[in-house]
């Protein structure tokens, strides 16, 4: 992948995360989102929540992170399937299992 495309994707990801973070912060404290909450989000927002979550450390604090967009996009359907099995489980716990 060329550098310009990589930077464009990284910028788009960070901007998406920056736009979704206030929404999540207004509705959920870090770690309080359940799988049920995640499943209630539409297909466009779900990957953004996973990108946002990937930028947090194990304690839920923001960190400098390089996000593998391809791997994260592949993780979304896995999380959807797992969350459908256990909707009352903490979404943060599910994320930590995979990162």
PDB file of N, CA and C in Angstrom:
ATOM      1  N   UNK A   1       0.858  -1.157   0.000  1.00  0.00           N
ATOM      2  CA  UNK A   1       0.000   0.000   0.000  1.00  0.00           C
ATOM      3  C   UNK A   1       0.911   1.229   0.000  1.00  0.00           C
ATOM      4  N   UNK A   2       0.592   2.194  -0.830  1.00  0.00           N
ATOM      5  CA  UNK A   2       1.471   3.362  -0.882  1.00  0.00           C
ATOM      6  C   UNK A   2       1.235   4.286   0.307  1.00  0.00           C
ATOM      7  N   UNK A   3       2.204   5.125   0.558  1.00  0.00           N
ATOM      8  CA  UNK A   3       2.196   5.984   1.747  1.00  0.00           C
ATOM      9  C   UNK A   3       1.021   6.960   1.742  1.00  0.00           C
ATOM     10  N   UNK A   4       0.728   7.534   0.586  1.00  0.00           N
ATOM     11  CA  UNK A   4      -0.360   8.512   0.518  1.00  0.00           C
ATOM     12  C   UNK A   4      -1.708   7.868   0.858  1.00  0.00           C
ATOM     13  N   UNK A   5      -1.942   6.679   0.331  1.00  0.00           N
ATOM     14  CA  UNK A   5      -3.189   5.974   0.615  1.00  0.00           C
ATOM     15  C   UNK A   5      -3.256   5.573   2.086  1.00  0.00           C
ATOM     16  N   UNK A   6      -2.138   5.124   2.625  1.00  0.00           N
ATOM     17  CA  UNK A   6      -2.088   4.749   4.037  1.00  0.00           C
ATOM     18  C   UNK A   6      -2.411   5.941   4.921  1.00  0.00           C
ATOM     19  N   UNK A   7      -1.823   7.083   4.630  1.00  0.00           N
ATOM     20  CA  UNK A   7      -2.083   8.293   5.419  1.00  0.00           C
ATOM     21  C   UNK A   7      -3.544   8.724   5.284  1.00  0.00           C
ATOM     22  N   UNK A   8      -4.099   8.599   4.093  1.00  0.00           N
ATOM     23  CA  UNK A   8      -5.497   8.963   3.880  1.00  0.00           C
ATOM     24  C   UNK A   8      -6.410   8.070   4.703  1.00  0.00           C
ATOM     25  N   UNK A   9      -6.142   6.764   4.685  1.00  0.00           N
ATOM     26  CA  UNK A   9      -6.956   5.826   5.467  1.00  0.00           C
ATOM     27  C   UNK A   9      -6.814   6.080   6.957  1.00  0.00           C
ATOM     28  N   UNK A  10      -5.600   6.339   7.406  1.00  0.00           N
ATOM     29  CA  UNK A  10      -5.370   6.611   8.819  1.00  0.00           C
ATOM     30  C   UNK A  10      -6.098   7.882   9.247  1.00  0.00           C
ATOM     31  N   UNK A  11      -6.022   8.916   8.427  1.00  0.00           N
ATOM     32  CA  UNK A  11      -6.700  10.171   8.728  1.00  0.00           C
ATOM     33  C   UNK A  11      -8.210   9.964   8.789  1.00  0.00           C
ATOM     34  N   UNK A  12      -8.751   9.231   7.822  1.00  0.00           N
ATOM     35  CA  UNK A  12     -10.190   8.964   7.804  1.00  0.00           C
ATOM     36  C   UNK A  12     -10.619   8.188   9.036  1.00  0.00           C
ATOM     37  N   UNK A  13      -9.811   7.220   9.432  1.00  0.00           N
ATOM     38  CA  UNK A  13     -10.123   6.426  10.622  1.00  0.00           C
ATOM     39  C   UNK A  13     -10.114   7.286  11.866  1.00  0.00           C
ATOM     40  N   UNK A  14      -9.090   8.106  12.008  1.00  0.00           N
ATOM     41  CA  UNK A  14      -8.993   8.961  13.187  1.00  0.00           C
ATOM     42  C   UNK A  14     -10.123   9.974  13.238  1.00  0.00           C
ATOM     43  N   UNK A  15     -10.484  10.534  12.076  1.00  0.00           N
ATOM     44  CA  UNK A  15     -11.596  11.481  12.048  1.00  0.00           C
ATOM     45  C   UNK A  15     -12.902  10.793  12.398  1.00  0.00           C
ATOM     46  N   UNK A  16     -13.081   9.579  11.888  1.00  0.00           N
ATOM     47  CA  UNK A  16     -14.293   8.822  12.216  1.00  0.00           C
ATOM     48  C   UNK A  16     -14.353   8.555  13.711  1.00  0.00           C
ATOM     49  N   UNK A  17     -13.225   8.142  14.267  1.00  0.00           N
ATOM     50  CA  UNK A  17     -13.176   7.869  15.702  1.00  0.00           C
ATOM     51  C   UNK A  17     -13.436   9.142  16.495  1.00  0.00           C
ATOM     52  N   UNK A  18     -12.898  10.251  16.027  1.00  0.00           N
ATOM     53  CA  UNK A  18     -13.096  11.522  16.725  1.00  0.00           C
ATOM     54  C   UNK A  18     -14.558  11.951  16.690  1.00  0.00           C
ATOM     55  N   UNK A  19     -15.248  11.613  15.606  1.00  0.00           N
ATOM     56  CA  UNK A  19     -16.651  11.992  15.500  1.00  0.00           C
ATOM     57  C   UNK A  19     -17.544  11.083  16.337  1.00  0.00           C
ATOM     58  N   UNK A  20     -17.203   9.803  16.450  1.00  0.00           N
ATOM     59  CA  UNK A  20     -18.045   8.872  17.185  1.00  0.00           C
ATOM     60  C   UNK A  20     -17.780   8.927  18.689  1.00  0.00           C
ATOM     61  N   UNK A  21     -16.570   9.282  19.088  1.00  0.00           N
ATOM     62  CA  UNK A  21     -16.212   9.293  20.510  1.00  0.00           C
ATOM     63  C   UNK A  21     -17.140  10.169  21.342  1.00  0.00           C
ATOM     64  N   UNK A  22     -17.437  11.414  20.934  1.00  0.00           N
ATOM     65  CA  UNK A  22     -18.356  12.218  21.748  1.00  0.00           C
ATOM     66  C   UNK A  22     -19.742  11.597  21.866  1.00  0.00           C
ATOM     67  N   UNK A  23     -20.188  10.940  20.814  1.00  0.00           N
ATOM     68  CA  UNK A  23     -21.493  10.283  20.848  1.00  0.00           C
ATOM     69  C   UNK A  23     -21.480   9.167  21.884  1.00  0.00           C
ATOM     70  N   UNK A  24     -20.440   8.356  21.843  1.00  0.00           N
ATOM     71  CA  UNK A  24     -20.334   7.265  22.813  1.00  0.00           C
ATOM     72  C   UNK A  24     -20.153   7.801  24.222  1.00  0.00           C
ATOM     73  N   UNK A  25     -19.338   8.823  24.356  1.00  0.00           N
ATOM     74  CA  UNK A  25     -19.097   9.396  25.678  1.00  0.00           C
ATOM     75  C   UNK A  25     -20.382   9.976  26.268  1.00  0.00           C
ATOM     76  N   UNK A  26     -21.226  10.517  25.417  1.00  0.00           N
ATOM     77  CA  UNK A  26     -22.475  11.102  25.893  1.00  0.00           C
ATOM     78  C   UNK A  26     -23.473  10.040  26.326  1.00  0.00           C
ATOM     79  N   UNK A  27     -23.363   8.842  25.755  1.00  0.00           N
ATOM     80  CA  UNK A  27     -24.342   7.809  26.055  1.00  0.00           C
ATOM     81  C   UNK A  27     -23.804   6.692  26.940  1.00  0.00           C
ATOM     82  N   UNK A  28     -22.489   6.479  26.911  1.00  0.00           N
ATOM     83  CA  UNK A  28     -21.905   5.378  27.679  1.00  0.00           C
ATOM     84  C   UNK A  28     -20.536   5.770  28.215  1.00  0.00           C
ATOM     85  N   UNK A  29     -20.278   5.396  29.439  1.00  0.00           N
ATOM     86  CA  UNK A  29     -18.926   5.514  29.950  1.00  0.00           C
ATOM     87  C   UNK A  29     -18.147   4.332  29.405  1.00  0.00           C
ATOM     88  N   UNK A  30     -16.859   4.505  29.274  1.00  0.00           N
ATOM     89  CA  UNK A  30     -16.031   3.418  28.781  1.00  0.00           C
ATOM     90  C   UNK A  30     -16.253   2.171  29.634  1.00  0.00           C
ATOM     91  N   UNK A  31     -16.513   1.085  29.010  1.00  0.00           N
ATOM     92  CA  UNK A  31     -16.710  -0.164  29.714  1.00  0.00           C
ATOM     93  C   UNK A  31     -18.150  -0.452  30.094  1.00  0.00           C
ATOM     94  N   UNK A  32     -19.045   0.502  29.919  1.00  0.00           N
ATOM     95  CA  UNK A  32     -20.444   0.279  30.278  1.00  0.00           C
ATOM     96  C   UNK A  32     -21.293  -0.197  29.106  1.00  0.00           C
ATOM     97  N   UNK A  33     -20.776  -0.113  27.902  1.00  0.00           N
ATOM     98  CA  UNK A  33     -21.526  -0.539  26.728  1.00  0.00           C
ATOM     99  C   UNK A  33     -21.647  -2.064  26.744  1.00  0.00           C
ATOM    100  N   UNK A  34     -22.834  -2.546  26.542  1.00  0.00           N
ATOM    101  CA  UNK A  34     -23.039  -3.985  26.475  1.00  0.00           C
ATOM    102  C   UNK A  34     -23.037  -4.436  25.025  1.00  0.00           C
ATOM    103  N   UNK A  35     -22.973  -5.714  24.837  1.00  0.00           N
ATOM    104  CA  UNK A  35     -23.085  -6.251  23.478  1.00  0.00           C
ATOM    105  C   UNK A  35     -24.425  -5.866  22.864  1.00  0.00           C
ATOM    106  N   UNK A  36     -25.446  -5.830  23.686  1.00  0.00           N
ATOM    107  CA  UNK A  36     -26.771  -5.430  23.218  1.00  0.00           C
ATOM    108  C   UNK A  36     -26.745  -4.003  22.670  1.00  0.00           C
ATOM    109  N   UNK A  37     -26.042  -3.110  23.356  1.00  0.00           N
ATOM    110  CA  UNK A  37     -25.894  -1.726  22.888  1.00  0.00           C
ATOM    111  C   UNK A  37     -25.170  -1.693  21.540  1.00  0.00           C
ATOM    112  N   UNK A  38     -24.117  -2.495  21.432  1.00  0.00           N
ATOM    113  CA  UNK A  38     -23.345  -2.559  20.192  1.00  0.00           C
ATOM    114  C   UNK A  38     -24.210  -3.062  19.045  1.00  0.00           C
ATOM    115  N   UNK A  39     -24.990  -4.088  19.294  1.00  0.00           N
ATOM    116  CA  UNK A  39     -25.851  -4.654  18.251  1.00  0.00           C
ATOM    117  C   UNK A  39     -26.940  -3.680  17.815  1.00  0.00           C
ATOM    118  N   UNK A  40     -27.331  -2.768  18.696  1.00  0.00           N
ATOM    119  CA  UNK A  40     -28.367  -1.788  18.369  1.00  0.00           C
ATOM    120  C   UNK A  40     -27.859  -0.722  17.394  1.00  0.00           C
ATOM    121  N   UNK A  41     -26.541  -0.602  17.276  1.00  0.00           N
ATOM    122  CA  UNK A  41     -25.958   0.373  16.343  1.00  0.00           C
ATOM    123  C   UNK A  41     -26.091  -0.136  14.913  1.00  0.00           C
ATOM    124  N   UNK A  42     -26.158   0.786  13.959  1.00  0.00           N
ATOM    125  CA  UNK A  42     -26.282   0.335  12.575  1.00  0.00           C
ATOM    126  C   UNK A  42     -24.929  -0.132  12.026  1.00  0.00           C
ATOM    127  N   UNK A  43     -24.966  -0.752  10.859  1.00  0.00           N
ATOM    128  CA  UNK A  43     -23.781  -1.356  10.250  1.00  0.00           C
ATOM    129  C   UNK A  43     -22.685  -0.344   9.914  1.00  0.00           C
ATOM    130  N   UNK A  44     -23.040   0.906   9.764  1.00  0.00           N
ATOM    131  CA  UNK A  44     -22.050   1.937   9.464  1.00  0.00           C
ATOM    132  C   UNK A  44     -21.301   2.348  10.727  1.00  0.00           C
ATOM    133  N   UNK A  45     -21.995   2.386  11.837  1.00  0.00           N
ATOM    134  CA  UNK A  45     -21.413   2.858  13.090  1.00  0.00           C
ATOM    135  C   UNK A  45     -20.611   1.761  13.797  1.00  0.00           C
ATOM    136  N   UNK A  46     -21.034   0.515  13.684  1.00  0.00           N
ATOM    137  CA  UNK A  46     -20.358  -0.575  14.396  1.00  0.00           C
ATOM    138  C   UNK A  46     -18.852  -0.611  14.140  1.00  0.00           C
ATOM    139  N   UNK A  47     -18.380  -0.538  12.885  1.00  0.00           N
ATOM    140  CA  UNK A  47     -16.919  -0.534  12.687  1.00  0.00           C
ATOM    141  C   UNK A  47     -16.243   0.660  13.342  1.00  0.00           C
ATOM    142  N   UNK A  48     -16.891   1.806  13.366  1.00  0.00           N
ATOM    143  CA  UNK A  48     -16.303   2.993  13.988  1.00  0.00           C
ATOM    144  C   UNK A  48     -16.144   2.798  15.490  1.00  0.00           C
ATOM    145  N   UNK A  49     -17.078   2.115  16.100  1.00  0.00           N
ATOM    146  CA  UNK A  49     -16.979   1.827  17.533  1.00  0.00           C
ATOM    147  C   UNK A  49     -15.799   0.890  17.780  1.00  0.00           C
ATOM    148  N   UNK A  50     -15.604  -0.069  16.887  1.00  0.00           N
ATOM    149  CA  UNK A  50     -14.476  -0.991  17.038  1.00  0.00           C
ATOM    150  C   UNK A  50     -13.160  -0.243  16.830  1.00  0.00           C
ATOM    151  N   UNK A  51     -13.089   0.669  15.842  1.00  0.00           N
ATOM    152  CA  UNK A  51     -11.879   1.486  15.653  1.00  0.00           C
ATOM    153  C   UNK A  51     -11.590   2.282  16.922  1.00  0.00           C
ATOM    154  N   UNK A  52     -12.635   2.918  17.454  1.00  0.00           N
ATOM    155  CA  UNK A  52     -12.502   3.733  18.665  1.00  0.00           C
ATOM    156  C   UNK A  52     -11.983   2.875  19.811  1.00  0.00           C
ATOM    157  N   UNK A  53     -12.568   1.692  19.970  1.00  0.00           N
ATOM    158  CA  UNK A  53     -12.162   0.793  21.047  1.00  0.00           C
ATOM    159  C   UNK A  53     -10.727   0.307  20.873  1.00  0.00           C
ATOM    160  N   UNK A  54     -10.301   0.130  19.627  1.00  0.00           N
ATOM    161  CA  UNK A  54      -8.935  -0.331  19.354  1.00  0.00           C
ATOM    162  C   UNK A  54      -7.907   0.712  19.790  1.00  0.00           C
ATOM    163  N   UNK A  55      -8.319   1.965  19.903  1.00  0.00           N
ATOM    164  CA  UNK A  55      -7.414   3.028  20.314  1.00  0.00           C
ATOM    165  C   UNK A  55      -7.336   3.212  21.823  1.00  0.00           C
ATOM    166  N   UNK A  56      -7.903   2.266  22.574  1.00  0.00           N
ATOM    167  CA  UNK A  56      -7.872   2.332  24.027  1.00  0.00           C
ATOM    168  C   UNK A  56      -7.011   1.202  24.572  1.00  0.00           C
ATOM    169  N   UNK A  57      -6.341   1.454  25.686  1.00  0.00           N
ATOM    170  CA  UNK A  57      -5.542   0.385  26.290  1.00  0.00           C
ATOM    171  C   UNK A  57      -6.449  -0.518  27.118  1.00  0.00           C
ATOM    172  N   UNK A  58      -5.866  -1.506  27.795  1.00  0.00           N
ATOM    173  CA  UNK A  58      -6.648  -2.484  28.559  1.00  0.00           C
ATOM    174  C   UNK A  58      -7.471  -1.859  29.683  1.00  0.00           C
ATOM    175  N   UNK A  59      -7.050  -0.687  30.148  1.00  0.00           N
ATOM    176  CA  UNK A  59      -7.792  -0.003  31.203  1.00  0.00           C
ATOM    177  C   UNK A  59      -8.873   0.914  30.639  1.00  0.00           C
ATOM    178  N   UNK A  60      -8.939   1.033  29.317  1.00  0.00           N
ATOM    179  CA  UNK A  60      -9.937   1.894  28.693  1.00  0.00           C
ATOM    180  C   UNK A  60      -9.499   3.327  28.511  1.00  0.00           C
ATOM    181  N   UNK A  61      -8.203   3.586  28.661  1.00  0.00           N
ATOM    182  CA  UNK A  61      -7.676   4.937  28.475  1.00  0.00           C
ATOM    183  C   UNK A  61      -7.131   5.097  27.063  1.00  0.00           C
ATOM    184  N   UNK A  62      -7.270   6.289  26.476  1.00  0.00           N
ATOM    185  CA  UNK A  62      -6.752   6.510  25.121  1.00  0.00           C
ATOM    186  C   UNK A  62      -5.244   6.326  25.066  1.00  0.00           C
ATOM    187  N   UNK A  63      -4.794   5.792  23.938  1.00  0.00           N
ATOM    188  CA  UNK A  63      -3.360   5.612  23.736  1.00  0.00           C
ATOM    189  C   UNK A  63      -3.049   5.914  22.274  1.00  0.00           C
ATOM    190  N   UNK A  64      -1.784   6.151  22.020  1.00  0.00           N
ATOM    191  CA  UNK A  64      -1.358   6.295  20.631  1.00  0.00           C
ATOM    192  C   UNK A  64      -1.400   4.903  20.037  1.00  0.00           C
ATOM    193  N   UNK A  65      -2.165   4.752  18.982  1.00  0.00           N
ATOM    194  CA  UNK A  65      -2.312   3.421  18.402  1.00  0.00           C
ATOM    195  C   UNK A  65      -2.316   3.505  16.889  1.00  0.00           C
ATOM    196  N   UNK A  66      -1.762   2.507  16.302  1.00  0.00           N
ATOM    197  CA  UNK A  66      -1.886   2.320  14.862  1.00  0.00           C
ATOM    198  C   UNK A  66      -2.951   1.264  14.693  1.00  0.00           C
ATOM    199  N   UNK A  67      -3.974   1.589  13.960  1.00  0.00           N
ATOM    200  CA  UNK A  67      -5.096   0.676  13.807  1.00  0.00           C
ATOM    201  C   UNK A  67      -4.983  -0.033  12.475  1.00  0.00           C
ATOM    202  N   UNK A  68      -5.020  -1.346  12.512  1.00  0.00           N
ATOM    203  CA  UNK A  68      -5.032  -2.161  11.304  1.00  0.00           C
ATOM    204  C   UNK A  68      -6.478  -2.219  10.828  1.00  0.00           C
ATOM    205  N   UNK A  69      -6.807  -1.382   9.858  1.00  0.00           N
ATOM    206  CA  UNK A  69      -8.183  -1.238   9.397  1.00  0.00           C
ATOM    207  C   UNK A  69      -8.718  -2.557   8.849  1.00  0.00           C
ATOM    208  N   UNK A  70      -7.903  -3.271   8.072  1.00  0.00           N
ATOM    209  CA  UNK A  70      -8.358  -4.539   7.505  1.00  0.00           C
ATOM    210  C   UNK A  70      -8.694  -5.550   8.602  1.00  0.00           C
ATOM    211  N   UNK A  71      -7.813  -5.680   9.579  1.00  0.00           N
ATOM    212  CA  UNK A  71      -8.055  -6.623  10.673  1.00  0.00           C
ATOM    213  C   UNK A  71      -9.268  -6.204  11.494  1.00  0.00           C
ATOM    214  N   UNK A  72      -9.418  -4.907  11.711  1.00  0.00           N
ATOM    215  CA  UNK A  72     -10.554  -4.404  12.478  1.00  0.00           C
ATOM    216  C   UNK A  72     -11.854  -4.649  11.728  1.00  0.00           C
ATOM    217  N   UNK A  73     -11.841  -4.421  10.422  1.00  0.00           N
ATOM    218  CA  UNK A  73     -13.044  -4.676   9.626  1.00  0.00           C
ATOM    219  C   UNK A  73     -13.427  -6.155   9.655  1.00  0.00           C
ATOM    220  N   UNK A  74     -12.442  -7.035   9.719  1.00  0.00           N
ATOM    221  CA  UNK A  74     -12.726  -8.473   9.796  1.00  0.00           C
ATOM    222  C   UNK A  74     -13.240  -8.861  11.180  1.00  0.00           C
ATOM    223  N   UNK A  75     -12.907  -8.080  12.179  1.00  0.00           N
ATOM    224  CA  UNK A  75     -13.320  -8.367  13.551  1.00  0.00           C
ATOM    225  C   UNK A  75     -14.787  -8.014  13.800  1.00  0.00           C
ATOM    226  N   UNK A  76     -15.314  -7.048  13.070  1.00  0.00           N
ATOM    227  CA  UNK A  76     -16.685  -6.584  13.312  1.00  0.00           C
ATOM    228  C   UNK A  76     -17.697  -7.733  13.210  1.00  0.00           C
ATOM    229  N   UNK A  77     -17.703  -8.530  12.133  1.00  0.00           N
ATOM    230  CA  UNK A  77     -18.689  -9.614  12.082  1.00  0.00           C
ATOM    231  C   UNK A  77     -18.490 -10.664  13.184  1.00  0.00           C
ATOM    232  N   UNK A  78     -17.248 -10.863  13.605  1.00  0.00           N
ATOM    233  CA  UNK A  78     -16.974 -11.790  14.710  1.00  0.00           C
ATOM    234  C   UNK A  78     -17.612 -11.265  15.991  1.00  0.00           C
ATOM    235  N   UNK A  79     -17.433  -9.979  16.249  1.00  0.00           N
ATOM    236  CA  UNK A  79     -18.023  -9.372  17.443  1.00  0.00           C
ATOM    237  C   UNK A  79     -19.550  -9.402  17.390  1.00  0.00           C
ATOM    238  N   UNK A  80     -20.103  -9.166  16.214  1.00  0.00           N
ATOM    239  CA  UNK A  80     -21.562  -9.215  16.062  1.00  0.00           C
ATOM    240  C   UNK A  80     -22.068 -10.617  16.413  1.00  0.00           C
ATOM    241  N   UNK A  81     -21.408 -11.637  15.882  1.00  0.00           N
ATOM    242  CA  UNK A  81     -21.820 -13.018  16.152  1.00  0.00           C
ATOM    243  C   UNK A  81     -21.700 -13.352  17.631  1.00  0.00           C
ATOM    244  N   UNK A  82     -20.579 -12.993  18.232  1.00  0.00           N
ATOM    245  CA  UNK A  82     -20.381 -13.278  19.654  1.00  0.00           C
ATOM    246  C   UNK A  82     -21.364 -12.497  20.528  1.00  0.00           C
ATOM    247  N   UNK A  83     -21.622 -11.258  20.162  1.00  0.00           N
ATOM    248  CA  UNK A  83     -22.547 -10.436  20.944  1.00  0.00           C
ATOM    249  C   UNK A  83     -23.987 -10.934  20.820  1.00  0.00           C
ATOM    250  N   UNK A  84     -24.331 -11.517  19.687  1.00  0.00           N
ATOM    251  CA  UNK A  84     -25.672 -12.078  19.534  1.00  0.00           C
ATOM    252  C   UNK A  84     -25.870 -13.262  20.477  1.00  0.00           C
ATOM    253  N   UNK A  85     -24.804 -13.975  20.768  1.00  0.00           N
ATOM    254  CA  UNK A  85     -24.880 -15.128  21.676  1.00  0.00           C
ATOM    255  C   UNK A  85     -25.013 -14.687  23.136  1.00  0.00           C
ATOM    256  N   UNK A  86     -24.371 -13.570  23.480  1.00  0.00           N
ATOM    257  CA  UNK A  86     -24.364 -13.090  24.873  1.00  0.00           C
ATOM    258  C   UNK A  86     -24.592 -11.577  24.902  1.00  0.00           C
ATOM    259  N   UNK A  87     -25.817 -11.132  24.658  1.00  0.00           N
ATOM    260  CA  UNK A  87     -26.080  -9.692  24.541  1.00  0.00           C
ATOM    261  C   UNK A  87     -25.894  -8.884  25.820  1.00  0.00           C
ATOM    262  N   UNK A  88     -25.967  -9.491  26.971  1.00  0.00           N
ATOM    263  CA  UNK A  88     -25.854  -8.742  28.227  1.00  0.00           C
ATOM    264  C   UNK A  88     -24.406  -8.580  28.699  1.00  0.00           C
ATOM    265  N   UNK A  89     -23.472  -9.213  28.012  1.00  0.00           N
ATOM    266  CA  UNK A  89     -22.058  -9.155  28.383  1.00  0.00           C
ATOM    267  C   UNK A  89     -21.485  -7.792  28.004  1.00  0.00           C
ATOM    268  N   UNK A  90     -20.488  -7.353  28.736  1.00  0.00           N
ATOM    269  CA  UNK A  90     -19.811  -6.094  28.455  1.00  0.00           C
ATOM    270  C   UNK A  90     -19.134  -6.141  27.086  1.00  0.00           C
ATOM    271  N   UNK A  91     -19.422  -5.148  26.261  1.00  0.00           N
ATOM    272  CA  UNK A  91     -18.785  -5.066  24.948  1.00  0.00           C
ATOM    273  C   UNK A  91     -17.279  -4.861  25.107  1.00  0.00           C
ATOM    274  N   UNK A  92     -16.878  -4.105  26.120  1.00  0.00           N
ATOM    275  CA  UNK A  92     -15.460  -3.860  26.367  1.00  0.00           C
ATOM    276  C   UNK A  92     -14.727  -5.173  26.650  1.00  0.00           C
ATOM    277  N   UNK A  93     -15.362  -6.073  27.397  1.00  0.00           N
ATOM    278  CA  UNK A  93     -14.746  -7.378  27.668  1.00  0.00           C
ATOM    279  C   UNK A  93     -14.557  -8.163  26.375  1.00  0.00           C
ATOM    280  N   UNK A  94     -15.540  -8.091  25.483  1.00  0.00           N
ATOM    281  CA  UNK A  94     -15.424  -8.768  24.179  1.00  0.00           C
ATOM    282  C   UNK A  94     -14.267  -8.182  23.367  1.00  0.00           C
ATOM    283  N   UNK A  95     -14.150  -6.860  23.377  1.00  0.00           N
ATOM    284  CA  UNK A  95     -13.073  -6.198  22.635  1.00  0.00           C
ATOM    285  C   UNK A  95     -11.713  -6.630  23.202  1.00  0.00           C
ATOM    286  N   UNK A  96     -11.589  -6.634  24.521  1.00  0.00           N
ATOM    287  CA  UNK A  96     -10.310  -6.997  25.152  1.00  0.00           C
ATOM    288  C   UNK A  96      -9.900  -8.433  24.806  1.00  0.00           C
ATOM    289  N   UNK A  97     -10.848  -9.308  24.596  1.00  0.00           N
ATOM    290  CA  UNK A  97     -10.534 -10.688  24.220  1.00  0.00           C
ATOM    291  C   UNK A  97      -9.823 -10.754  22.871  1.00  0.00           C
ATOM    292  N   UNK A  98     -10.070  -9.774  22.017  1.00  0.00           N
ATOM    293  CA  UNK A  98      -9.552  -9.809  20.641  1.00  0.00           C
ATOM    294  C   UNK A  98      -8.379  -8.880  20.379  1.00  0.00           C
ATOM    295  N   UNK A  99      -8.091  -7.959  21.299  1.00  0.00           N
ATOM    296  CA  UNK A  99      -6.962  -7.045  21.080  1.00  0.00           C
ATOM    297  C   UNK A  99      -5.860  -7.326  22.047  1.00  0.00           C
TER     298      UNK A  99
END
